[in-house]
Amino acid sequence: MTSADIVRELQAATPVAPQTLRLRVRTLETPAARPASARFGGAFKGRRWIMLALPAAAAAAVVAGAVTGAFDSPQSARDASQSARTPKLTAGTQSGGAADSAAGSQKAASPTATTELAPTYGSVAPSSPRLERYAAQLTLEVKDSDAVSKAAQEAIAAIRDLGGYVVTAQLQNGAAGSASLTLRVPHDKAQEAFVRLQGLGKIIQQNVQLDDLQETADRLDKAIARQRAQLAAVESQLARTDLSSAERAQLEARRDLLKGQLAASRRSRTATTNDAAVATLQLELRTPDSSLVVPTKSPFDRSIDRVVEILALEAVIVATAAAVLLPFALLGGAIWFGRRGLRRRMEHDLLGA
């Protein structure tokens, strides 16, 4: 008998399991039910790290927030207080546009020697005959909002009496009134204007800054003299009649370049003179209510705020991770349940045969 005959006989004679074997297999398929406490304990052990993740994250947020909040510098709170007490400037009465633009261009043209004086109750007079830029900031406190308006009007009148003008002006009414004025006066009237503005209220802060412009002016004068000499030499060469066309074209290009440089140097020199001829005064008027300092937060309050920020950040991270992993989790669960159902069906068919 060949192997093919043996296979055909085995296929024709289907084995039938005895009843005792069938009962034993069914018994093995459905094991005895375990107690509920045992099932819960096993599930808890398998997922213990998940249940401990939330309190661990909260504890880490509390520790990090307490440490960073306690040692964090309250500089941001002080900055917010300072910005709240300093009104913003807005465009107001504008005059002397040519002098202003010339001064702005000169400031960007070259560095200057700067002397910044600490706040004092005196005043600093411009030191002539050197060219210098005079700028002063003055903060005054008056009793109420009506006094703010009155002091602002008196400041404008005083500046105009001295031959100056108003660049910007802003006035805020209300219980905590305030005013901000940018004023300009002739350079030789700067000290008198500063003293007259000091008498409008109680001095809170003042700052006078002198920028030396004499070195810049001297450098520009030397550049102008050098460029004029070079231009005269080029023009004398162009007066010759024995020049070739190429040489004449080169000399003409050199002449045009020198003319442009000379014009730029003269504009810078004029801007320097104009900048030194006018002094800028920044006046701030406040009431006692607007001068109050915003209290900074205590280390405990900063720690609480930092804990809330860290917890919010952790919640965002968890939500983002869940949104990214949810499709993969659903697909994996569908595949697992499908394979499980298929395996049970195959076992059921095998036992029913």
Foldseek 3Di string as FASTA:
>chain_A
DDPVVVVVVPVVDDDDDDPVVLVVVVDVVDDDDDDPVVVVVVVCVVCVVVVVPVVVLLVVLLVVLLVCLQPPDLVVQQVVLVVLLDDDWDFDDADPVVLVVLLVVLPVPDAFDKDKDFWDPADDADDPDFQKAKEKEWEFADAFLVLQVVLVVVLQVVQVVQVKHWGTKDWDGDGKTKIKTKIKHFRNCVRVSVVVSPVSHHTDTMMMMMTGCRVVLVVLVVVLVVLVVVLVVLVVVLPDDPDDPVVNVVSVVVNVVSVVVNVVSVSSNVSSVSSRGMYIYMYMYTYPVSPDGDDGDHSVVSSVVSSVVSVVVVVVVVVVVCVVCVVVVVVVVVVVVVVVVVVVVVVVVVSVD
